[in-house]
Amino acid sequence: MSKGLPQIPAYSLPSEAQLPVARASFMLERERAVLLVHDMQRYFVRPFIADQEPIAGVIDHMTSLIAAARAANVPVVYTAQKVNQDRRDRGLQAELWGPGMHDLNEHQPILSQLAPGPNDIVLTKHRYSAFQRSNLEHFMRVRGRDQLIICGI
């Protein structure tokens, strides 16, 4: 079995007309919301073909979403996976994807076009879930936030 993240071929994002119709009447309230920017470190983006769909469109949409959240005073929280994790930290991920991210410039940084701002929060992420062994739930609770907007890969 090959270790590491495999190359992801280009594909188109669905158009708005292709998305399913919402089944729940959900209203986003900026006083209750947090924007989570998930897994946008170079290591995770590298398998996509740069400047092609879907990643080019995803980055454009995320740039707009981050700007809108900041303008609306919605907290922006980033997750960044810990580098040089040992086998206990990686768990099953180690068997599926190998040793993971190293402390290298081509692995660790969040994409520059999505870089955290001075008022944004960056949480260390150890597993697939942004909540597992992070302070995300605590961050949201102490601020009275219970709506989570998730973007990323």
N, C-alpha and C. Protein backbone atom coordinates (compact mmCIF):
# COMPACT_ATOMS: atom_id res chain seq x y z
N MET A 1 0.84 -1.18 0.00
CA MET A 1 0.00 0.00 0.00
C MET A 1 0.89 1.24 0.00
N SER A 2 0.54 2.19 -0.83
CA SER A 2 1.28 3.44 -0.93
C SER A 2 0.99 4.32 0.29
N LYS A 3 2.02 4.95 0.80
CA LYS A 3 1.84 5.85 1.93
C LYS A 3 1.88 7.29 1.43
N GLY A 4 1.19 8.15 2.13
CA GLY A 4 1.13 9.55 1.74
C GLY A 4 -0.19 9.84 1.04
N LEU A 5 -0.46 11.11 0.87
CA LEU A 5 -1.71 11.51 0.23
C LEU A 5 -1.60 11.35 -1.28
N PRO A 6 -2.56 10.67 -1.91
CA PRO A 6 -2.49 10.46 -3.36
C PRO A 6 -2.87 11.73 -4.13
N GLN A 7 -2.39 11.80 -5.37
CA GLN A 7 -2.77 12.90 -6.27
C GLN A 7 -4.28 12.85 -6.49
N ILE A 8 -4.92 14.02 -6.53
CA ILE A 8 -6.36 14.11 -6.76
C ILE A 8 -6.58 14.75 -8.12
N PRO A 9 -7.20 14.03 -9.06
CA PRO A 9 -7.42 14.60 -10.39
C PRO A 9 -8.39 15.77 -10.35
N ALA A 10 -8.28 16.65 -11.34
CA ALA A 10 -9.17 17.80 -11.44
C ALA A 10 -10.61 17.34 -11.65
N TYR A 11 -11.53 18.07 -11.06
CA TYR A 11 -12.96 17.84 -11.29
C TYR A 11 -13.69 19.14 -10.99
N SER A 12 -14.88 19.29 -11.53
CA SER A 12 -15.66 20.52 -11.36
C SER A 12 -16.46 20.48 -10.07
N LEU A 13 -16.56 21.64 -9.44
CA LEU A 13 -17.45 21.77 -8.30
C LEU A 13 -18.88 21.83 -8.82
N PRO A 14 -19.85 21.37 -8.04
CA PRO A 14 -21.24 21.45 -8.50
C PRO A 14 -21.70 22.91 -8.58
N SER A 15 -22.58 23.17 -9.52
CA SER A 15 -23.18 24.51 -9.61
C SER A 15 -24.24 24.64 -8.51
N GLU A 16 -24.70 25.85 -8.28
CA GLU A 16 -25.73 26.05 -7.27
C GLU A 16 -26.98 25.23 -7.60
N ALA A 17 -27.31 25.14 -8.88
CA ALA A 17 -28.49 24.38 -9.31
C ALA A 17 -28.35 22.88 -9.04
N GLN A 18 -27.12 22.40 -8.97
CA GLN A 18 -26.88 20.97 -8.73
C GLN A 18 -26.89 20.59 -7.25
N LEU A 19 -26.86 21.57 -6.38
CA LEU A 19 -26.85 21.29 -4.95
C LEU A 19 -28.23 20.87 -4.48
N PRO A 20 -28.30 20.02 -3.47
CA PRO A 20 -29.61 19.59 -2.97
C PRO A 20 -30.36 20.75 -2.32
N VAL A 21 -31.66 20.67 -2.35
CA VAL A 21 -32.50 21.67 -1.70
C VAL A 21 -32.41 21.45 -0.19
N ALA A 22 -32.26 22.54 0.54
CA ALA A 22 -32.20 22.45 2.00
C ALA A 22 -33.50 21.88 2.54
N ARG A 23 -33.39 20.94 3.46
CA ARG A 23 -34.58 20.31 4.04
C ARG A 23 -34.93 20.89 5.41
N ALA A 24 -34.03 21.62 5.99
CA ALA A 24 -34.27 22.21 7.30
C ALA A 24 -34.32 23.73 7.17
N SER A 25 -35.13 24.35 7.99
CA SER A 25 -35.18 25.81 7.98
C SER A 25 -34.16 26.32 9.00
N PHE A 26 -32.97 26.52 8.54
CA PHE A 26 -31.85 26.94 9.38
C PHE A 26 -31.51 28.38 9.05
N MET A 27 -31.40 29.20 10.06
CA MET A 27 -30.99 30.59 9.87
C MET A 27 -29.66 30.81 10.59
N LEU A 28 -28.69 31.21 9.84
CA LEU A 28 -27.39 31.53 10.41
C LEU A 28 -27.49 32.86 11.14
N GLU A 29 -27.00 32.88 12.37
CA GLU A 29 -26.99 34.10 13.17
C GLU A 29 -25.55 34.44 13.51
N ARG A 30 -25.09 35.58 13.04
CA ARG A 30 -23.67 35.90 13.21
C ARG A 30 -23.25 35.98 14.67
N GLU A 31 -24.17 36.31 15.57
CA GLU A 31 -23.83 36.37 17.00
C GLU A 31 -23.59 34.98 17.58
N ARG A 32 -24.05 33.96 16.88
CA ARG A 32 -23.92 32.58 17.37
C ARG A 32 -22.90 31.76 16.57
N ALA A 33 -22.38 32.33 15.50
CA ALA A 33 -21.59 31.55 14.54
C ALA A 33 -20.08 31.66 14.75
N VAL A 34 -19.40 30.63 14.29
CA VAL A 34 -17.94 30.58 14.17
C VAL A 34 -17.64 30.00 12.80
N LEU A 35 -16.65 30.58 12.11
CA LEU A 35 -16.19 30.02 10.84
C LEU A 35 -14.96 29.17 11.11
N LEU A 36 -15.00 27.91 10.72
CA LEU A 36 -13.86 27.00 10.87
C LEU A 36 -13.21 26.80 9.51
N VAL A 37 -11.94 27.15 9.41
CA VAL A 37 -11.14 26.92 8.20
C VAL A 37 -10.31 25.67 8.48
N HIS A 38 -10.67 24.59 7.81
CA HIS A 38 -10.19 23.26 8.16
C HIS A 38 -9.18 22.71 7.15
N ASP A 39 -8.02 22.29 7.64
CA ASP A 39 -7.01 21.56 6.85
C ASP A 39 -6.53 22.28 5.60
N MET A 40 -6.26 23.56 5.71
CA MET A 40 -5.78 24.29 4.53
C MET A 40 -4.27 24.54 4.59
N GLN A 41 -3.55 23.59 5.18
CA GLN A 41 -2.10 23.63 5.15
C GLN A 41 -1.61 23.06 3.82
N ARG A 42 -0.43 23.48 3.42
CA ARG A 42 0.13 23.04 2.13
C ARG A 42 0.13 21.52 1.97
N TYR A 43 0.40 20.81 3.02
CA TYR A 43 0.46 19.35 2.97
C TYR A 43 -0.84 18.76 2.44
N PHE A 44 -1.97 19.29 2.87
CA PHE A 44 -3.28 18.75 2.47
C PHE A 44 -3.73 19.24 1.11
N VAL A 45 -3.25 20.40 0.69
CA VAL A 45 -3.64 20.98 -0.60
C VAL A 45 -2.77 20.43 -1.72
N ARG A 46 -1.57 20.02 -1.40
CA ARG A 46 -0.59 19.55 -2.39
C ARG A 46 -1.11 18.46 -3.33
N PRO A 47 -1.96 17.52 -2.91
CA PRO A 47 -2.43 16.49 -3.84
C PRO A 47 -3.32 17.02 -4.98
N PHE A 48 -3.88 18.22 -4.80
CA PHE A 48 -4.70 18.80 -5.86
C PHE A 48 -3.82 19.46 -6.91
N ILE A 49 -4.32 19.57 -8.13
CA ILE A 49 -3.59 20.24 -9.20
C ILE A 49 -3.81 21.73 -9.04
N ALA A 50 -2.72 22.46 -8.75
CA ALA A 50 -2.82 23.90 -8.50
C ALA A 50 -3.46 24.62 -9.68
N ASP A 51 -4.23 25.65 -9.38
CA ASP A 51 -4.89 26.50 -10.37
C ASP A 51 -5.92 25.78 -11.21
N GLN A 52 -6.35 24.60 -10.79
CA GLN A 52 -7.43 23.88 -11.48
C GLN A 52 -8.53 23.58 -10.47
N GLU A 53 -9.70 23.26 -11.01
CA GLU A 53 -10.81 22.85 -10.15
C GLU A 53 -10.51 21.47 -9.58
N PRO A 54 -10.90 21.21 -8.39
CA PRO A 54 -11.77 22.03 -7.57
C PRO A 54 -11.03 23.02 -6.68
N ILE A 55 -9.72 22.86 -6.50
CA ILE A 55 -9.03 23.63 -5.46
C ILE A 55 -9.01 25.12 -5.76
N ALA A 56 -8.89 25.51 -7.02
CA ALA A 56 -8.87 26.93 -7.36
C ALA A 56 -10.19 27.59 -6.94
N GLY A 57 -11.30 26.95 -7.25
CA GLY A 57 -12.61 27.48 -6.86
C GLY A 57 -12.82 27.46 -5.36
N VAL A 58 -12.37 26.39 -4.72
CA VAL A 58 -12.50 26.29 -3.27
C VAL A 58 -11.76 27.44 -2.59
N ILE A 59 -10.55 27.71 -3.02
CA ILE A 59 -9.76 28.79 -2.42
C ILE A 59 -10.43 30.14 -2.66
N ASP A 60 -10.94 30.38 -3.87
CA ASP A 60 -11.64 31.63 -4.16
C ASP A 60 -12.86 31.79 -3.25
N HIS A 61 -13.66 30.75 -3.13
CA HIS A 61 -14.86 30.81 -2.27
C HIS A 61 -14.46 31.02 -0.81
N MET A 62 -13.42 30.36 -0.37
CA MET A 62 -12.99 30.49 1.02
C MET A 62 -12.48 31.89 1.31
N THR A 63 -11.76 32.48 0.37
CA THR A 63 -11.27 33.85 0.55
C THR A 63 -12.44 34.80 0.78
N SER A 64 -13.49 34.65 -0.01
CA SER A 64 -14.69 35.49 0.14
C SER A 64 -15.39 35.21 1.47
N LEU A 65 -15.50 33.96 1.84
CA LEU A 65 -16.18 33.58 3.07
C LEU A 65 -15.43 34.11 4.30
N ILE A 66 -14.12 34.01 4.30
CA ILE A 66 -13.31 34.51 5.42
C ILE A 66 -13.47 36.02 5.53
N ALA A 67 -13.42 36.73 4.41
CA ALA A 67 -13.58 38.19 4.43
C ALA A 67 -14.96 38.58 4.96
N ALA A 68 -16.00 37.86 4.54
CA ALA A 68 -17.36 38.15 5.01
C ALA A 68 -17.49 37.88 6.50
N ALA A 69 -16.90 36.80 6.98
CA ALA A 69 -16.96 36.48 8.41
C ALA A 69 -16.27 37.56 9.23
N ARG A 70 -15.10 37.97 8.81
CA ARG A 70 -14.38 39.02 9.54
C ARG A 70 -15.18 40.32 9.55
N ALA A 71 -15.76 40.69 8.40
CA ALA A 71 -16.55 41.92 8.30
C ALA A 71 -17.78 41.87 9.21
N ALA A 72 -18.33 40.68 9.43
CA ALA A 72 -19.52 40.50 10.28
C ALA A 72 -19.16 40.21 11.73
N ASN A 73 -17.88 40.29 12.07
CA ASN A 73 -17.40 39.98 13.42
C ASN A 73 -17.72 38.55 13.86
N VAL A 74 -17.71 37.64 12.91
CA VAL A 74 -17.83 36.22 13.20
C VAL A 74 -16.42 35.69 13.44
N PRO A 75 -16.15 35.08 14.58
CA PRO A 75 -14.80 34.57 14.83
C PRO A 75 -14.38 33.57 13.75
N VAL A 76 -13.12 33.69 13.33
CA VAL A 76 -12.55 32.77 12.34
C VAL A 76 -11.51 31.92 13.06
N VAL A 77 -11.72 30.61 13.00
CA VAL A 77 -10.84 29.65 13.67
C VAL A 77 -10.25 28.73 12.62
N TYR A 78 -8.94 28.57 12.66
CA TYR A 78 -8.23 27.67 11.75
C TYR A 78 -7.79 26.43 12.51
N THR A 79 -7.77 25.30 11.83
CA THR A 79 -7.11 24.14 12.39
C THR A 79 -5.82 23.92 11.62
N ALA A 80 -4.79 23.58 12.35
CA ALA A 80 -3.49 23.26 11.75
C ALA A 80 -2.99 21.99 12.41
N GLN A 81 -2.76 20.99 11.59
CA GLN A 81 -2.30 19.71 12.13
C GLN A 81 -0.89 19.85 12.68
N LYS A 82 -0.67 19.19 13.77
CA LYS A 82 0.64 19.15 14.41
C LYS A 82 1.63 18.42 13.50
N VAL A 83 2.84 18.94 13.42
CA VAL A 83 3.88 18.30 12.61
C VAL A 83 4.61 17.24 13.43
N ASN A 84 5.27 16.33 12.71
CA ASN A 84 6.10 15.30 13.33
C ASN A 84 5.37 14.52 14.43
N GLN A 85 4.14 14.12 14.15
CA GLN A 85 3.37 13.36 15.13
C GLN A 85 3.94 11.95 15.28
N ASP A 86 3.91 11.47 16.51
CA ASP A 86 4.34 10.08 16.69
C ASP A 86 3.15 9.15 16.40
N ARG A 87 3.42 7.88 16.39
CA ARG A 87 2.43 6.87 16.01
C ARG A 87 1.17 6.94 16.88
N ARG A 88 1.34 7.22 18.16
CA ARG A 88 0.18 7.30 19.06
C ARG A 88 -0.74 8.46 18.68
N ASP A 89 -0.15 9.59 18.27
CA ASP A 89 -0.95 10.74 17.86
C ASP A 89 -1.69 10.47 16.55
N ARG A 90 -1.04 9.80 15.62
CA ARG A 90 -1.63 9.61 14.29
C ARG A 90 -2.65 8.48 14.25
N GLY A 91 -2.51 7.48 15.11
CA GLY A 91 -3.47 6.38 15.12
C GLY A 91 -3.59 5.71 13.76
N LEU A 92 -4.81 5.45 13.34
CA LEU A 92 -5.07 4.78 12.07
C LEU A 92 -4.56 5.58 10.87
N GLN A 93 -4.48 6.89 11.02
CA GLN A 93 -3.96 7.72 9.92
C GLN A 93 -2.56 7.27 9.49
N ALA A 94 -1.75 6.83 10.44
CA ALA A 94 -0.39 6.39 10.11
C ALA A 94 -0.42 5.18 9.19
N GLU A 95 -1.34 4.26 9.43
CA GLU A 95 -1.43 3.07 8.57
C GLU A 95 -1.96 3.42 7.19
N LEU A 96 -2.89 4.35 7.13
CA LEU A 96 -3.49 4.73 5.85
C LEU A 96 -2.60 5.66 5.03
N TRP A 97 -2.00 6.65 5.70
CA TRP A 97 -1.33 7.73 4.97
C TRP A 97 0.15 7.90 5.31
N GLY A 98 0.69 7.06 6.15
CA GLY A 98 2.11 7.17 6.47
C GLY A 98 2.36 8.15 7.61
N PRO A 99 3.59 8.66 7.70
CA PRO A 99 3.98 9.46 8.85
C PRO A 99 3.33 10.84 8.94
N GLY A 100 2.77 11.32 7.84
CA GLY A 100 2.09 12.61 7.89
C GLY A 100 3.01 13.79 7.68
N MET A 101 2.60 14.90 8.22
CA MET A 101 3.25 16.18 7.98
C MET A 101 4.55 16.32 8.77
N HIS A 102 5.54 16.87 8.09
CA HIS A 102 6.82 17.15 8.74
C HIS A 102 6.98 18.66 8.89
N ASP A 103 7.92 19.06 9.71
CA ASP A 103 8.17 20.47 9.96
C ASP A 103 8.95 21.07 8.79
N LEU A 104 8.29 21.14 7.65
CA LEU A 104 8.90 21.64 6.42
C LEU A 104 8.04 22.75 5.85
N ASN A 105 8.66 23.70 5.17
CA ASN A 105 7.92 24.81 4.58
C ASN A 105 6.90 24.33 3.55
N GLU A 106 7.17 23.22 2.87
CA GLU A 106 6.21 22.73 1.88
C GLU A 106 5.07 21.93 2.52
N HIS A 107 5.11 21.73 3.81
CA HIS A 107 4.06 20.99 4.51
C HIS A 107 3.21 21.89 5.43
N GLN A 108 3.86 22.58 6.32
CA GLN A 108 3.20 23.16 7.49
C GLN A 108 2.36 24.42 7.25
N PRO A 109 2.80 25.41 6.51
CA PRO A 109 2.04 26.67 6.50
C PRO A 109 0.63 26.53 5.93
N ILE A 110 -0.27 27.33 6.51
CA ILE A 110 -1.59 27.51 5.92
C ILE A 110 -1.38 28.33 4.65
N LEU A 111 -2.14 28.04 3.60
CA LEU A 111 -1.98 28.76 2.33
C LEU A 111 -1.97 30.26 2.56
N SER A 112 -1.04 30.95 1.92
CA SER A 112 -0.88 32.39 2.14
C SER A 112 -2.13 33.18 1.81
N GLN A 113 -2.87 32.78 0.76
CA GLN A 113 -4.07 33.52 0.40
C GLN A 113 -5.21 33.34 1.40
N LEU A 114 -5.06 32.39 2.32
CA LEU A 114 -6.06 32.14 3.36
C LEU A 114 -5.48 32.38 4.75
N ALA A 115 -4.36 33.03 4.83
CA ALA A 115 -3.61 33.15 6.08
C ALA A 115 -4.44 33.76 7.21
N PRO A 116 -4.26 33.24 8.41
CA PRO A 116 -4.97 33.81 9.56
C PRO A 116 -4.61 35.28 9.77
N GLY A 117 -5.61 36.05 10.15
CA GLY A 117 -5.41 37.46 10.48
C GLY A 117 -5.06 37.61 11.95
N PRO A 118 -4.76 38.83 12.37
CA PRO A 118 -4.33 39.05 13.76
C PRO A 118 -5.38 38.70 14.81
N ASN A 119 -6.65 38.73 14.46
CA ASN A 119 -7.71 38.41 15.42
C ASN A 119 -8.23 36.98 15.29
N ASP A 120 -7.69 36.23 14.35
CA ASP A 120 -8.12 34.85 14.14
C ASP A 120 -7.41 33.92 15.12
N ILE A 121 -7.99 32.75 15.30
CA ILE A 121 -7.45 31.74 16.22
C ILE A 121 -6.96 30.56 15.40
N VAL A 122 -5.79 30.03 15.76
CA VAL A 122 -5.28 28.81 15.13
C VAL A 122 -5.19 27.74 16.21
N LEU A 123 -5.92 26.64 16.00
CA LEU A 123 -5.91 25.52 16.94
C LEU A 123 -5.11 24.36 16.36
N THR A 124 -4.36 23.70 17.20
CA THR A 124 -3.64 22.50 16.77
C THR A 124 -4.62 21.35 16.67
N LYS A 125 -4.56 20.64 15.55
CA LYS A 125 -5.46 19.51 15.30
C LYS A 125 -4.63 18.23 15.28
N HIS A 126 -5.10 17.21 16.01
CA HIS A 126 -4.37 15.95 16.10
C HIS A 126 -5.00 14.83 15.28
N ARG A 127 -6.29 14.93 15.00
CA ARG A 127 -7.01 13.87 14.30
C ARG A 127 -7.86 14.48 13.20
N TYR A 128 -8.66 13.65 12.54
CA TYR A 128 -9.53 14.17 11.48
C TYR A 128 -10.49 15.23 12.02
N SER A 129 -11.05 15.00 13.18
CA SER A 129 -12.02 15.91 13.77
C SER A 129 -11.33 17.14 14.35
N ALA A 130 -11.90 18.29 14.06
CA ALA A 130 -11.38 19.54 14.63
C ALA A 130 -11.68 19.64 16.12
N PHE A 131 -12.61 18.82 16.61
CA PHE A 131 -12.97 18.84 18.03
C PHE A 131 -12.11 17.89 18.87
N GLN A 132 -11.57 16.86 18.28
CA GLN A 132 -10.81 15.85 19.02
C GLN A 132 -9.50 16.43 19.52
N ARG A 133 -9.35 16.48 20.83
CA ARG A 133 -8.12 16.97 21.48
C ARG A 133 -7.75 18.38 21.05
N SER A 134 -8.75 19.24 20.88
CA SER A 134 -8.49 20.66 20.61
C SER A 134 -9.37 21.48 21.55
N ASN A 135 -9.21 22.78 21.50
CA ASN A 135 -10.00 23.67 22.35
C ASN A 135 -11.19 24.27 21.60
N LEU A 136 -11.57 23.71 20.46
CA LEU A 136 -12.64 24.30 19.66
C LEU A 136 -13.96 24.35 20.43
N GLU A 137 -14.36 23.26 21.04
CA GLU A 137 -15.63 23.27 21.78
C GLU A 137 -15.60 24.30 22.90
N HIS A 138 -14.52 24.34 23.65
CA HIS A 138 -14.38 25.32 24.75
C HIS A 138 -14.43 26.74 24.20
N PHE A 139 -13.70 27.00 23.11
CA PHE A 139 -13.70 28.32 22.47
C PHE A 139 -15.12 28.76 22.15
N MET A 140 -15.91 27.85 21.59
CA MET A 140 -17.28 28.18 21.20
C MET A 140 -18.17 28.38 22.43
N ARG A 141 -18.05 27.50 23.41
CA ARG A 141 -18.92 27.57 24.60
C ARG A 141 -18.74 28.88 25.37
N VAL A 142 -17.49 29.25 25.63
CA VAL A 142 -17.25 30.45 26.45
C VAL A 142 -17.68 31.72 25.72
N ARG A 143 -17.85 31.66 24.43
CA ARG A 143 -18.31 32.81 23.65
C ARG A 143 -19.80 32.72 23.31
N GLY A 144 -20.46 31.68 23.79
CA GLY A 144 -21.88 31.52 23.51
C GLY A 144 -22.17 31.24 22.05
N ARG A 145 -21.26 30.56 21.39
CA ARG A 145 -21.39 30.26 19.95
C ARG A 145 -21.79 28.79 19.80
N ASP A 146 -22.84 28.56 19.01
CA ASP A 146 -23.29 27.18 18.80
C ASP A 146 -23.60 26.87 17.34
N GLN A 147 -23.20 27.75 16.45
CA GLN A 147 -23.35 27.50 15.01
C GLN A 147 -21.95 27.47 14.40
N LEU A 148 -21.67 26.43 13.63
CA LEU A 148 -20.34 26.26 13.06
C LEU A 148 -20.44 26.19 11.54
N ILE A 149 -19.76 27.11 10.89
CA ILE A 149 -19.65 27.12 9.43
C ILE A 149 -18.30 26.48 9.14
N ILE A 150 -18.28 25.42 8.34
CA ILE A 150 -17.03 24.71 8.07
C ILE A 150 -16.67 24.88 6.61
N CYS A 151 -15.43 25.29 6.36
CA CYS A 151 -14.92 25.34 4.99
C CYS A 151 -13.52 24.74 5.00
N GLY A 152 -13.10 24.25 3.85
CA GLY A 152 -11.77 23.65 3.75
C GLY A 152 -11.85 22.31 3.06
N ILE A 153 -10.83 21.51 3.31
CA ILE A 153 -10.78 20.18 2.68
C ILE A 153 -10.57 19.12 3.75
